[in-house]
C-alpha atoms as a PDB file:
ATOM      1  CA  MET A   1     105.485 118.911  97.640  1.00  0.00           C
ATOM      2  CA  GLY A   2     103.109 118.522 100.500  1.00  0.00           C
ATOM      3  CA  GLY A   3     103.079 115.392 102.569  1.00  0.00           C
ATOM      4  CA  VAL A   4     104.935 113.625 105.281  1.00  0.00           C
ATOM      5  CA  ILE A   5     108.372 112.011 104.924  1.00  0.00           C
ATOM      6  CA  ALA A   6     108.826 108.797 106.769  1.00  0.00           C
ATOM      7  CA  ALA A   7     111.705 109.040 109.292  1.00  0.00           C
ATOM      8  CA  ALA A   8     113.389 106.448 111.416  1.00  0.00           C
ATOM      9  CA  GLY A   9     112.745 106.363 115.147  1.00  0.00           C
ATOM     10  CA  PRO A  10     109.969 107.889 117.230  1.00  0.00           C
ATOM     11  CA  ARG A  11     109.023 111.300 115.912  1.00  0.00           C
ATOM     12  CA  PRO A  12     105.843 113.087 116.947  1.00  0.00           C
ATOM     13  CA  TYR A  13     103.962 114.619 114.034  1.00  0.00           C
ATOM     14  CA  PHE A  14     102.167 117.945 114.143  1.00  0.00           C
ATOM     15  CA  THR A  15     100.431 119.649 111.230  1.00  0.00           C
ATOM     16  CA  LEU A  16      99.558 123.339 111.047  1.00  0.00           C
ATOM     17  CA  ASP A  17      96.339 122.312 109.406  1.00  0.00           C
ATOM     18  CA  ASP A  18      95.311 121.630 113.023  1.00  0.00           C
ATOM     19  CA  LEU A  19      94.007 124.992 114.299  1.00  0.00           C
ATOM     20  CA  ASP A  20      95.302 124.348 117.757  1.00  0.00           C
ATOM     21  CA  VAL A  21      98.781 123.628 116.509  1.00  0.00           C
ATOM     22  CA  LEU A  22      98.565 126.658 114.172  1.00  0.00           C
ATOM     23  CA  GLU A  23      97.626 128.877 117.068  1.00  0.00           C
ATOM     24  CA  GLN A  24     100.614 127.610 119.125  1.00  0.00           C
ATOM     25  CA  ALA A  25     102.922 128.116 116.102  1.00  0.00           C
ATOM     26  CA  ILE A  26     101.809 131.743 115.909  1.00  0.00           C
ATOM     27  CA  ASP A  27     101.508 132.631 119.565  1.00  0.00           C
ATOM     28  CA  ALA A  28     104.141 130.410 121.247  1.00  0.00           C
ATOM     29  CA  PRO A  29     106.431 128.925 118.557  1.00  0.00           C
ATOM     30  CA  ASP A  30     109.286 128.244 121.021  1.00  0.00           C
ATOM     31  CA  ASP A  31     106.986 126.003 123.060  1.00  0.00           C
ATOM     32  CA  LEU A  32     105.935 124.080 119.912  1.00  0.00           C
ATOM     33  CA  VAL A  33     109.488 123.326 118.800  1.00  0.00           C
ATOM     34  CA  ALA A  34     110.398 122.156 122.329  1.00  0.00           C
ATOM     35  CA  ARG A  35     107.681 119.488 122.536  1.00  0.00           C
ATOM     36  CA  ALA A  36     109.965 116.628 121.567  1.00  0.00           C
ATOM     37  CA  GLU A  37     113.599 115.801 120.838  1.00  0.00           C
ATOM     38  CA  ARG A  38     112.679 114.774 117.265  1.00  0.00           C
ATOM     39  CA  LEU A  39     109.780 116.552 115.658  1.00  0.00           C
ATOM     40  CA  THR A  40     107.934 116.556 112.334  1.00  0.00           C
ATOM     41  CA  LEU A  41     106.053 119.802 111.513  1.00  0.00           C
ATOM     42  CA  ASP A  42     103.864 119.763 108.440  1.00  0.00           C
ATOM     43  CA  GLU A  43     102.489 122.772 106.423  1.00  0.00           C
ATOM     44  CA  VAL A  44     105.037 125.117 108.058  1.00  0.00           C
ATOM     45  CA  GLN A  45     104.408 127.744 105.341  1.00  0.00           C
ATOM     46  CA  ARG A  46     101.220 128.600 107.279  1.00  0.00           C
ATOM     47  CA  ALA A  47     103.255 130.186 110.085  1.00  0.00           C
ATOM     48  CA  PRO A  48     106.531 131.563 108.697  1.00  0.00           C
ATOM     49  CA  GLN A  49     107.499 132.920 112.158  1.00  0.00           C
ATOM     50  CA  LEU A  50     107.819 129.312 113.243  1.00  0.00           C
ATOM     51  CA  LEU A  51     111.124 129.108 111.360  1.00  0.00           C
ATOM     52  CA  LEU A  52     112.635 131.726 113.687  1.00  0.00           C
ATOM     53  CA  ALA A  53     111.864 129.476 116.641  1.00  0.00           C
ATOM     54  CA  VAL A  54     113.467 126.515 114.781  1.00  0.00           C
ATOM     55  CA  LYS A  55     116.532 128.672 114.108  1.00  0.00           C
ATOM     56  CA  ARG A  56     116.869 129.639 117.801  1.00  0.00           C
ATOM     57  CA  ALA A  57     116.568 126.027 118.904  1.00  0.00           C
ATOM     58  CA  VAL A  58     119.156 124.827 116.389  1.00  0.00           C
ATOM     59  CA  ASP A  59     121.627 127.607 117.305  1.00  0.00           C
ATOM     60  CA  ARG A  60     121.325 126.689 121.017  1.00  0.00           C
ATOM     61  CA  GLN A  61     122.033 123.018 120.319  1.00  0.00           C
ATOM     62  CA  ARG A  62     123.111 121.625 116.938  1.00  0.00           C
ATOM     63  CA  ARG A  63     121.607 118.135 116.569  1.00  0.00           C
ATOM     64  CA  ALA A  64     121.184 116.382 113.182  1.00  0.00           C
ATOM     65  CA  GLY A  65     117.678 115.287 112.379  1.00  0.00           C
ATOM     66  CA  TRP A  66     116.039 117.333 115.093  1.00  0.00           C
ATOM     67  CA  PHE A  67     113.347 118.817 112.867  1.00  0.00           C
ATOM     68  CA  LEU A  68     111.657 117.487 109.786  1.00  0.00           C
ATOM     69  CA  LEU A  69     109.750 120.396 108.225  1.00  0.00           C
ATOM     70  CA  THR A  70     107.317 119.732 105.306  1.00  0.00           C
ATOM     71  CA  GLY A  71     104.924 121.913 103.370  1.00  0.00           C
ATOM     72  CA  SER A  72     103.189 122.536 100.026  1.00  0.00           C
ATOM     73  CA  ALA A  73     105.034 125.717  99.125  1.00  0.00           C
ATOM     74  CA  ASN A  74     108.602 126.637  98.409  1.00  0.00           C
ATOM     75  CA  LEU A  75     109.712 128.490 101.456  1.00  0.00           C
ATOM     76  CA  LEU A  76     112.733 129.945  99.630  1.00  0.00           C
ATOM     77  CA  LEU A  77     110.377 131.773  97.134  1.00  0.00           C
ATOM     78  CA  MET A  78     107.790 133.079  99.637  1.00  0.00           C
ATOM     79  CA  HIS A  79     108.173 136.755 100.259  1.00  0.00           C
ATOM     80  CA  GLN A  80     106.606 136.415 103.703  1.00  0.00           C
ATOM     81  CA  VAL A  81     109.512 134.185 104.825  1.00  0.00           C
ATOM     82  CA  SER A  82     112.387 136.177 106.113  1.00  0.00           C
ATOM     83  CA  GLU A  83     114.249 133.169 107.657  1.00  0.00           C
ATOM     84  CA  THR A  84     115.578 130.510 105.310  1.00  0.00           C
ATOM     85  CA  LEU A  85     117.608 128.513 107.892  1.00  0.00           C
ATOM     86  CA  ALA A  86     120.626 129.001 105.760  1.00  0.00           C
ATOM     87  CA  GLY A  87     123.455 126.736 106.980  1.00  0.00           C
ATOM     88  CA  ARG A  88     121.027 124.907 109.261  1.00  0.00           C
ATOM     89  CA  ALA A  89     118.778 122.984 106.934  1.00  0.00           C
ATOM     90  CA  THR A  90     118.834 120.860 103.825  1.00  0.00           C
ATOM     91  CA  TYR A  91     115.957 121.195 101.274  1.00  0.00           C
ATOM     92  CA  LEU A  92     114.402 118.297  99.382  1.00  0.00           C
ATOM     93  CA  THR A  93     111.645 118.715  96.831  1.00  0.00           C
ATOM     94  CA  LEU A  94     109.077 115.859  96.848  1.00  0.00           C
ATOM     95  CA  TRP A  95     107.598 115.767  93.361  1.00  0.00           C
ATOM     96  CA  PRO A  96     104.540 113.689  92.540  1.00  0.00           C
ATOM     97  CA  MET A  97     105.280 109.951  92.658  1.00  0.00           C
ATOM     98  CA  THR A  98     107.098 108.423  89.708  1.00  0.00           C
ATOM     99  CA  ARG A  99     105.838 105.186  88.227  1.00  0.00           C
ATOM    100  CA  ARG A 100     108.481 103.191  89.936  1.00  0.00           C
ATOM    101  CA  GLU A 101     107.590 104.769  93.263  1.00  0.00           C
ATOM    102  CA  GLN A 102     103.969 103.836  92.626  1.00  0.00           C
ATOM    103  CA  LEU A 103     105.145 100.259  92.104  1.00  0.00           C
ATOM    104  CA  GLY A 104     106.979 100.326  95.418  1.00  0.00           C
ATOM    105  CA  LEU A 105     110.456 100.489  94.028  1.00  0.00           C
ATOM    106  CA  GLY A 106     111.400 103.761  95.690  1.00  0.00           C
ATOM    107  CA  ARG A 107     113.128 105.463  92.801  1.00  0.00           C
ATOM    108  CA  ALA A 108     112.736 107.356  89.563  1.00  0.00           C
ATOM    109  CA  GLY A 109     113.774 106.057  86.094  1.00  0.00           C
ATOM    110  CA  ILE A 110     117.042 104.445  85.094  1.00  0.00           C
ATOM    111  CA  TRP A 111     118.618 107.655  83.929  1.00  0.00           C
ATOM    112  CA  GLN A 112     121.946 107.128  85.597  1.00  0.00           C
ATOM    113  CA  GLU A 113     122.250 103.605  84.249  1.00  0.00           C
ATOM    114  CA  LEU A 114     121.523 104.869  80.745  1.00  0.00           C
ATOM    115  CA  LEU A 115     124.155 107.648  81.016  1.00  0.00           C
ATOM    116  CA  GLU A 116     126.767 105.130  82.160  1.00  0.00           C
ATOM    117  CA  ALA A 117     126.001 102.577  79.469  1.00  0.00           C
ATOM    118  CA  LYS A 118     127.106 102.665  75.872  1.00  0.00           C
ATOM    119  CA  ASP A 119     124.467 103.772  73.291  1.00  0.00           C
ATOM    120  CA  GLN A 120     124.195 100.291  71.752  1.00  0.00           C
ATOM    121  CA  GLU A 121     123.566  98.795  75.254  1.00  0.00           C
ATOM    122  CA  TRP A 122     120.384 100.780  75.776  1.00  0.00           C
ATOM    123  CA  PRO A 123     117.860  98.327  74.262  1.00  0.00           C
ATOM    124  CA  ASP A 124     119.257  95.424  76.325  1.00  0.00           C
ATOM    125  CA  LEU A 125     119.388  97.506  79.505  1.00  0.00           C
ATOM    126  CA  ILE A 126     115.790  98.589  79.106  1.00  0.00           C
ATOM    127  CA  ALA A 127     114.575  95.043  78.174  1.00  0.00           C
ATOM    128  CA  ALA A 128     116.245  93.655  81.362  1.00  0.00           C
ATOM    129  CA  GLN A 129     114.342  95.942  83.723  1.00  0.00           C
ATOM    130  CA  PRO A 130     112.061  93.916  86.097  1.00  0.00           C
ATOM    131  CA  VAL A 131     109.192  96.344  85.603  1.00  0.00           C
ATOM    132  CA  ALA A 132     105.983  95.367  83.778  1.00  0.00           C
ATOM    133  CA  ARG A 133     105.108  97.462  80.684  1.00  0.00           C
ATOM    134  CA  GLU A 134     102.166  99.826  80.872  1.00  0.00           C
ATOM    135  CA  ASP A 135     100.479 102.222  78.464  1.00  0.00           C
ATOM    136  CA  TRP A 136     102.015 105.599  79.343  1.00  0.00           C
ATOM    137  CA  ARG A 137      98.563 107.284  78.831  1.00  0.00           C
ATOM    138  CA  ALA A 138      97.197 105.477  81.857  1.00  0.00           C
ATOM    139  CA  LEU A 139     100.074 106.840  83.943  1.00  0.00           C
ATOM    140  CA  ALA A 140      99.452 110.330  82.565  1.00  0.00           C
ATOM    141  CA  ARG A 141      95.736 110.195  83.532  1.00  0.00           C
ATOM    142  CA  ARG A 142      96.250 109.108  87.100  1.00  0.00           C
ATOM    143  CA  GLY A 143      99.306 111.382  87.682  1.00  0.00           C
ATOM    144  CA  GLY A 144     101.531 111.028  90.760  1.00  0.00           C
ATOM    145  CA  TYR A 145      99.620 112.371  93.730  1.00  0.00           C
ATOM    146  CA  PRO A 146      99.237 109.412  96.136  1.00  0.00           C
ATOM    147  CA  VAL A 147      95.410 109.277  96.407  1.00  0.00           C
ATOM    148  CA  PRO A 148      94.519 109.287  92.722  1.00  0.00           C
ATOM    149  CA  ALA A 149      97.573 107.280  91.757  1.00  0.00           C
ATOM    150  CA  LEU A 150      97.233 104.501  94.348  1.00  0.00           C
ATOM    151  CA  ASP A 151      93.763 104.508  95.846  1.00  0.00           C
ATOM    152  CA  LEU A 152      91.349 105.515  93.041  1.00  0.00           C
ATOM    153  CA  ASP A 153      90.659 103.133  90.206  1.00  0.00           C
ATOM    154  CA  SER A 154      88.261 105.101  87.915  1.00  0.00           C
ATOM    155  CA  ASP A 155      88.608 108.269  85.911  1.00  0.00           C
ATOM    156  CA  ASP A 156      85.362 109.574  87.441  1.00  0.00           C
ATOM    157  CA  ALA A 157      86.712 109.136  91.020  1.00  0.00           C
ATOM    158  CA  ARG A 158      89.941 110.874  90.101  1.00  0.00           C
ATOM    159  CA  ALA A 159      88.057 113.734  88.458  1.00  0.00           C
ATOM    160  CA  THR A 160      86.184 114.265  91.740  1.00  0.00           C
ATOM    161  CA  TRP A 161      89.402 114.203  93.697  1.00  0.00           C
ATOM    162  CA  PHE A 162      91.140 116.654  91.350  1.00  0.00           C
ATOM    163  CA  ALA A 163      88.121 118.996  91.477  1.00  0.00           C
ATOM    164  CA  GLY A 164      88.308 119.031  95.257  1.00  0.00           C
ATOM    165  CA  TYR A 165      92.087 119.555  95.188  1.00  0.00           C
ATOM    166  CA  VAL A 166      91.818 122.568  92.847  1.00  0.00           C
ATOM    167  CA  GLN A 167      89.148 124.124  95.077  1.00  0.00           C
ATOM    168  CA  THR A 168      91.171 123.635  98.274  1.00  0.00           C
ATOM    169  CA  TYR A 169      94.319 124.842  96.486  1.00  0.00           C
ATOM    170  CA  LEU A 170      92.662 127.986  95.208  1.00  0.00           C
ATOM    171  CA  GLU A 171      90.607 128.840  98.333  1.00  0.00           C
ATOM    172  CA  ARG A 172      93.268 128.100 100.995  1.00  0.00           C
ATOM    173  CA  ASP A 173      96.857 127.497  99.886  1.00  0.00           C
ATOM    174  CA  LEU A 174      97.166 130.293  97.318  1.00  0.00           C
ATOM    175  CA  ARG A 175      95.351 132.829  99.458  1.00  0.00           C
ATOM    176  CA  GLU A 176      97.885 132.122 102.278  1.00  0.00           C
ATOM    177  CA  LEU A 177     100.700 132.935  99.859  1.00  0.00           C
ATOM    178  CA  SER A 178      99.139 136.051  98.347  1.00  0.00           C
ATOM    179  CA  ALA A 179      95.828 137.851  97.924  1.00  0.00           C
ATOM    180  CA  ILE A 180      94.041 136.728  94.755  1.00  0.00           C
ATOM    181  CA  ALA A 181      91.401 139.223  93.650  1.00  0.00           C
ATOM    182  CA  SER A 182      89.717 137.032  91.084  1.00  0.00           C
ATOM    183  CA  LEU A 183      89.701 133.270  91.463  1.00  0.00           C
ATOM    184  CA  PRO A 184      87.779 132.714  88.144  1.00  0.00           C
ATOM    185  CA  ASP A 185      90.576 134.572  86.291  1.00  0.00           C
ATOM    186  CA  LEU A 186      93.188 132.466  87.967  1.00  0.00           C
ATOM    187  CA  ARG A 187      91.297 129.289  87.008  1.00  0.00           C
ATOM    188  CA  ARG A 188      91.306 130.378  83.360  1.00  0.00           C
ATOM    189  CA  LEU A 189      95.011 131.151  83.570  1.00  0.00           C
ATOM    190  CA  MET A 190      95.683 127.654  84.959  1.00  0.00           C
ATOM    191  CA  ARG A 191      93.610 126.074  82.189  1.00  0.00           C
ATOM    192  CA  ALA A 192      95.426 128.124  79.551  1.00  0.00           C
ATOM    193  CA  VAL A 193      98.829 127.034  80.891  1.00  0.00           C
ATOM    194  CA  CYS A 194      97.730 123.338  80.905  1.00  0.00           C
ATOM    195  CA  LEU A 195      96.647 123.710  77.273  1.00  0.00           C
ATOM    196  CA  ARG A 196     100.200 124.896  76.376  1.00  0.00           C
ATOM    197  CA  LEU A 197     102.314 122.213  78.019  1.00  0.00           C
ATOM    198  CA  GLY A 198     105.727 121.969  76.381  1.00  0.00           C
ATOM    199  CA  GLN A 199     105.386 125.327  74.632  1.00  0.00           C
ATOM    200  CA  LEU A 200     107.433 128.483  75.103  1.00  0.00           C
ATOM    201  CA  LEU A 201     106.039 130.647  77.845  1.00  0.00           C
ATOM    202  CA  ASN A 202     104.628 133.805  76.405  1.00  0.00           C
ATOM    203  CA  GLN A 203     103.126 135.807  79.256  1.00  0.00           C
ATOM    204  CA  ALA A 204     101.727 138.591  77.076  1.00  0.00           C
ATOM    205  CA  GLU A 205      99.857 136.005  74.927  1.00  0.00           C
ATOM    206  CA  LEU A 206      98.565 134.248  78.012  1.00  0.00           C
ATOM    207  CA  GLY A 207      97.300 137.581  79.355  1.00  0.00           C
ATOM    208  CA  ARG A 208      95.435 138.345  76.118  1.00  0.00           C
ATOM    209  CA  ASP A 209      93.788 134.883  76.003  1.00  0.00           C
ATOM    210  CA  VAL A 210      92.456 135.112  79.613  1.00  0.00           C
ATOM    211  CA  ALA A 211      91.905 138.885  79.604  1.00  0.00           C
ATOM    212  CA  VAL A 212      94.292 139.463  82.489  1.00  0.00           C
ATOM    213  CA  PRO A 213      97.055 142.199  82.494  1.00  0.00           C
ATOM    214  CA  GLN A 214     100.522 140.827  81.834  1.00  0.00           C
ATOM    215  CA  PRO A 215     101.908 141.981  85.274  1.00  0.00           C
ATOM    216  CA  THR A 216      99.202 139.963  86.911  1.00  0.00           C
ATOM    217  CA  VAL A 217      99.937 136.933  84.790  1.00  0.00           C
ATOM    218  CA  HIS A 218     103.629 137.278  85.786  1.00  0.00           C
ATOM    219  CA  ARG A 219     102.718 137.439  89.509  1.00  0.00           C
ATOM    220  CA  TRP A 220     100.268 134.504  89.314  1.00  0.00           C
ATOM    221  CA  LEU A 221     102.732 132.292  87.425  1.00  0.00           C
ATOM    222  CA  ASN A 222     105.312 132.968  90.182  1.00  0.00           C
ATOM    223  CA  LEU A 223     102.703 131.926  92.684  1.00  0.00           C
ATOM    224  CA  LEU A 224     101.960 128.739  90.770  1.00  0.00           C
ATOM    225  CA  GLU A 225     105.613 127.963  90.674  1.00  0.00           C
ATOM    226  CA  THR A 226     106.070 128.710  94.326  1.00  0.00           C
ATOM    227  CA  SER A 227     103.257 126.316  95.261  1.00  0.00           C
ATOM    228  CA  TYR A 228     104.786 123.572  93.038  1.00  0.00           C
ATOM    229  CA  GLN A 229     102.190 123.565  90.255  1.00  0.00           C
ATOM    230  CA  VAL A 230     103.942 125.195  87.329  1.00  0.00           C
ATOM    231  CA  VAL A 231     107.394 123.966  86.258  1.00  0.00           C
ATOM    232  CA  ARG A 232     109.556 126.208  84.066  1.00  0.00           C
ATOM    233  CA  LEU A 233     112.219 124.567  81.952  1.00  0.00           C
ATOM    234  CA  HIS A 234     115.007 126.884  80.952  1.00  0.00           C
ATOM    235  CA  PRO A 235     116.920 126.665  77.684  1.00  0.00           C
ATOM    236  CA  TYR A 236     120.403 125.292  77.233  1.00  0.00           C
ATOM    237  CA  ALA A 237     123.139 127.777  76.373  1.00  0.00           C
ATOM    238  CA  VAL A 238     126.878 127.707  76.742  1.00  0.00           C
ATOM    239  CA  ASN A 239     126.549 131.089  78.457  1.00  0.00           C
ATOM    240  CA  ARG A 240     124.830 130.351  81.786  1.00  0.00           C
ATOM    241  CA  THR A 241     123.409 133.862  82.018  1.00  0.00           C
ATOM    242  CA  LYS A 242     121.506 133.357  78.773  1.00  0.00           C
ATOM    243  CA  ARG A 243     119.830 130.277  80.360  1.00  0.00           C
ATOM    244  CA  ILE A 244     118.171 132.637  82.799  1.00  0.00           C
ATOM    245  CA  ILE A 245     117.094 135.421  80.479  1.00  0.00           C
ATOM    246  CA  LYS A 246     115.869 133.346  77.458  1.00  0.00           C
ATOM    247  CA  THR A 247     112.322 132.097  77.158  1.00  0.00           C
ATOM    248  CA  ALA A 248     111.422 129.108  79.334  1.00  0.00           C
ATOM    249  CA  LYS A 249     109.084 126.316  78.477  1.00  0.00           C
ATOM    250  CA  VAL A 250     106.120 125.620  80.686  1.00  0.00           C
ATOM    251  CA  TYR A 251     105.016 122.325  82.227  1.00  0.00           C
ATOM    252  CA  TRP A 252     102.844 121.097  85.050  1.00  0.00           C
ATOM    253  CA  ALA A 253     103.967 119.221  88.182  1.00  0.00           C
ATOM    254  CA  ASP A 254     101.297 116.539  87.825  1.00  0.00           C
ATOM    255  CA  THR A 255      99.925 115.303  84.501  1.00  0.00           C
ATOM    256  CA  GLY A 256      96.639 114.018  85.961  1.00  0.00           C
ATOM    257  CA  LEU A 257      95.834 117.443  87.389  1.00  0.00           C
ATOM    258  CA  ALA A 258      96.957 119.136  84.160  1.00  0.00           C
ATOM    259  CA  LEU A 259      94.554 116.999  82.100  1.00  0.00           C
ATOM    260  CA  HIS A 260      91.722 117.813  84.549  1.00  0.00           C
ATOM    261  CA  LEU A 261      92.446 121.567  84.441  1.00  0.00           C
ATOM    262  CA  ALA A 262      92.622 121.517  80.663  1.00  0.00           C
ATOM    263  CA  GLY A 263      89.442 119.564  80.328  1.00  0.00           C
ATOM    264  CA  LEU A 264      91.078 116.889  78.273  1.00  0.00           C
ATOM    265  CA  GLY A 265      90.072 113.209  78.365  1.00  0.00           C
ATOM    266  CA  GLU A 266      93.053 111.734  76.594  1.00  0.00           C
ATOM    267  CA  PRO A 267      96.720 112.752  76.924  1.00  0.00           C
ATOM    268  CA  SER A 268      98.819 113.647  73.905  1.00  0.00           C
ATOM    269  CA  GLY A 269     102.513 113.843  73.094  1.00  0.00           C
ATOM    270  CA  CYS A 270     103.076 116.877  75.346  1.00  0.00           C
ATOM    271  CA  HIS A 271     101.869 114.872  78.333  1.00  0.00           C
ATOM    272  CA  LEU A 272     104.403 112.141  77.548  1.00  0.00           C
ATOM    273  CA  GLU A 273     107.049 114.838  77.464  1.00  0.00           C
ATOM    274  CA  ASN A 274     105.762 116.183  80.800  1.00  0.00           C
ATOM    275  CA  LEU A 275     105.872 112.661  82.307  1.00  0.00           C
ATOM    276  CA  VAL A 276     109.532 112.240  81.271  1.00  0.00           C
ATOM    277  CA  LEU A 277     110.375 115.639  82.709  1.00  0.00           C
ATOM    278  CA  ASN A 278     108.641 114.851  85.990  1.00  0.00           C
ATOM    279  CA  ASP A 279     110.675 111.638  86.319  1.00  0.00           C
ATOM    280  CA  LEU A 280     113.871 113.525  85.482  1.00  0.00           C
ATOM    281  CA  LEU A 281     113.131 116.131  88.167  1.00  0.00           C
ATOM    282  CA  ALA A 282     112.528 113.448  90.760  1.00  0.00           C
ATOM    283  CA  TRP A 283     115.778 111.744  89.770  1.00  0.00           C
ATOM    284  CA  ARG A 284     117.642 115.024  89.797  1.00  0.00           C
ATOM    285  CA  ASP A 285     116.467 116.139  93.223  1.00  0.00           C
ATOM    286  CA  ALA A 286     117.391 112.877  94.833  1.00  0.00           C
ATOM    287  CA  ARG A 287     121.025 113.322  93.800  1.00  0.00           C
ATOM    288  CA  LEU A 288     123.630 115.267  95.706  1.00  0.00           C
ATOM    289  CA  ASP A 289     125.192 116.797  92.622  1.00  0.00           C
ATOM    290  CA  ARG A 290     121.794 118.269  91.388  1.00  0.00           C
ATOM    291  CA  PRO A 291     122.358 118.026  87.596  1.00  0.00           C
ATOM    292  CA  GLU A 292     120.657 120.586  85.440  1.00  0.00           C
ATOM    293  CA  VAL A 293     117.585 119.691  83.285  1.00  0.00           C
ATOM    294  CA  LEU A 294     117.317 122.084  80.328  1.00  0.00           C
ATOM    295  CA  TYR A 295     116.021 122.232  76.798  1.00  0.00           C
ATOM    296  CA  TRP A 296     117.490 123.438  73.524  1.00  0.00           C
ATOM    297  CA  ARG A 297     115.445 124.802  70.610  1.00  0.00           C
ATOM    298  CA  THR A 298     116.088 123.861  66.973  1.00  0.00           C
ATOM    299  CA  ALA A 299     114.429 124.895  63.779  1.00  0.00           C
ATOM    300  CA  ARG A 300     112.211 121.825  63.879  1.00  0.00           C
ATOM    301  CA  GLY A 301     111.161 121.971  67.522  1.00  0.00           C
ATOM    302  CA  GLY A 302     112.428 121.649  71.016  1.00  0.00           C
ATOM    303  CA  SER A 303     114.628 119.246  72.962  1.00  0.00           C
ATOM    304  CA  ARG A 304     115.116 118.495  76.590  1.00  0.00           C
ATOM    305  CA  LEU A 305     118.697 118.478  77.743  1.00  0.00           C
ATOM    306  CA  ARG A 306     120.210 117.248  80.970  1.00  0.00           C
ATOM    307  CA  HIS A 307     123.712 118.540  81.766  1.00  0.00           C
ATOM    308  CA  ARG A 308     126.215 117.534  84.467  1.00  0.00           C
ATOM    309  CA  GLY A 309     129.910 118.074  84.460  1.00  0.00           C
ATOM    310  CA  GLY A 310     130.188 118.303  80.723  1.00  0.00           C
ATOM    311  CA  GLN A 311     127.990 115.290  80.022  1.00  0.00           C
ATOM    312  CA  HIS A 312     124.687 115.723  78.247  1.00  0.00           C
ATOM    313  CA  ALA A 313     121.595 113.608  77.702  1.00  0.00           C
ATOM    314  CA  ALA A 314     119.036 114.919  75.267  1.00  0.00           C
ATOM    315  CA  ALA A 315     115.502 114.088  74.358  1.00  0.00           C
ATOM    316  CA  ASP A 316     114.508 115.673  71.035  1.00  0.00           C
ATOM    317  CA  ARG A 317     110.889 116.287  70.128  1.00  0.00           C
ATOM    318  CA  SER A 318     109.902 117.430  66.646  1.00  0.00           C
ATOM    319  CA  GLU A 319     107.150 119.972  66.085  1.00  0.00           C
ATOM    320  CA  GLY A 320     103.678 118.744  66.793  1.00  0.00           C
ATOM    321  CA  HIS A 321     104.330 116.785  69.959  1.00  0.00           C
ATOM    322  CA  ARG A 322     104.827 113.487  68.125  1.00  0.00           C
ATOM    323  CA  PRO A 323     104.672 110.285  70.177  1.00  0.00           C
ATOM    324  CA  ALA A 324     107.708 108.244  71.276  1.00  0.00           C
ATOM    325  CA  SER A 325     108.202 106.709  67.792  1.00  0.00           C
ATOM    326  CA  GLY A 326     108.742 110.177  66.308  1.00  0.00           C
ATOM    327  CA  TRP A 327     111.593 111.094  68.666  1.00  0.00           C
ATOM    328  CA  ARG A 328     115.058 110.944  67.173  1.00  0.00           C
ATOM    329  CA  ARG A 329     118.679 111.709  67.961  1.00  0.00           C
ATOM    330  CA  GLU A 330     119.939 115.126  67.247  1.00  0.00           C
ATOM    331  CA  ALA A 331     122.365 117.543  68.865  1.00  0.00           C
ATOM    332  CA  PRO A 332     123.296 121.181  68.284  1.00  0.00           C
ATOM    333  CA  SER A 333     126.899 121.750  67.090  1.00  0.00           C
ATOM    334  CA  HIS A 334     127.959 123.666  70.221  1.00  0.00           C
ATOM    335  CA  VAL A 335     127.375 120.787  72.616  1.00  0.00           C
ATOM    336  CA  PRO A 336     130.940 120.002  73.655  1.00  0.00           C
ATOM    337  CA  ARG A 337     130.775 116.262  74.434  1.00  0.00           C
ATOM    338  CA  ARG A 338     128.850 113.260  73.299  1.00  0.00           C
ATOM    339  CA  VAL A 339     125.142 113.591  73.393  1.00  0.00           C
ATOM    340  CA  ARG A 340     122.831 110.698  74.220  1.00  0.00           C
ATOM    341  CA  PRO A 341     119.057 110.711  73.629  1.00  0.00           C
ATOM    342  CA  ALA A 342     116.937 110.226  76.720  1.00  0.00           C
ATOM    343  CA  LEU A 343     114.145 108.902  74.591  1.00  0.00           C
ATOM    344  CA  SER A 344     114.096 106.985  71.337  1.00  0.00           C
ATOM    345  CA  ALA A 345     111.718 104.637  69.561  1.00  0.00           C
ATOM    346  CA  ARG A 346     113.060 101.657  71.569  1.00  0.00           C
ATOM    347  CA  ALA A 347     113.794 103.566  74.777  1.00  0.00           C
ATOM    348  CA  GLY A 348     110.408 105.082  75.320  1.00  0.00           C
ATOM    349  CA  ALA A 349     109.836 103.102  78.527  1.00  0.00           C
ATOM    350  CA  ALA A 350     113.160 104.138  80.082  1.00  0.00           C
ATOM    351  CA  HIS A 351     111.482 106.553  82.493  1.00  0.00           C
ATOM    352  CA  ARG A 352     109.324 103.816  83.910  1.00  0.00           C
END
């Protein structure tokens, strides 16, 4: 996600939101990357040619930690970017802040501890956590972006911030990624997606609902995913190829923004599910082994499945987006090893 990562030691910071820096990045990128021995460059997606200068500098002298590049788009999915710095860079996705990060604990939920503990130890493990309890709906409303999550105290103030964020996102960030002919149509598509959180992604149905051709829906969804708004969750299957071709579920990167786009005042069960997924993604992307987060579908509804090295942790949700008390243990017969629920009636606060 967009933002600045704190780094040890002196490190000058330049953002391409600054027009002077952007001009230098376009006209003289080699001069920009040579301005300091350790450099942070923000919003680098605004000048993709800057990555070529970074590559030349790294190839001349390999030095760990030379550049810290941040931005609000996935460079690997941008068609304008021809240079990915393969073999020269490590990528880290910064998702919206988890609740524990908002509390200053610097981590996501206790997923690893739960996986390493026995099932009967879960209640005691959760009860022993030194984290105050909180209504999950308050967390869903404020989301994980730093300003509304940490600095704004009222729903009205957050609504104003989210409105400004959407306007800036539509009018600047997306237009830098691709030409958008009709912003009102894109707004309707975003709203339609946020009203379908946790559901199977049917692009033809979305297109009919917002009166947009299916190929355009496909392109816009890809843009929303590239800019870290839409999250697609793929299904679990023993055959890994089927995970790619089967229908994904759709979620949003930030529940507060999703509620604003959908025009909803109160979150429901799908937003709780989205919160858990967001926490799992933050936990996953901080790990070196990058475990998969998937879902399986049963006759009664959908489940979220995390898989790593033959181990699985599942969160089963029955039809109708029931709250945490309606979640229960269940596993398809083809899961090869023991399955543990990531959410149960007594473990609903685990992601906190």
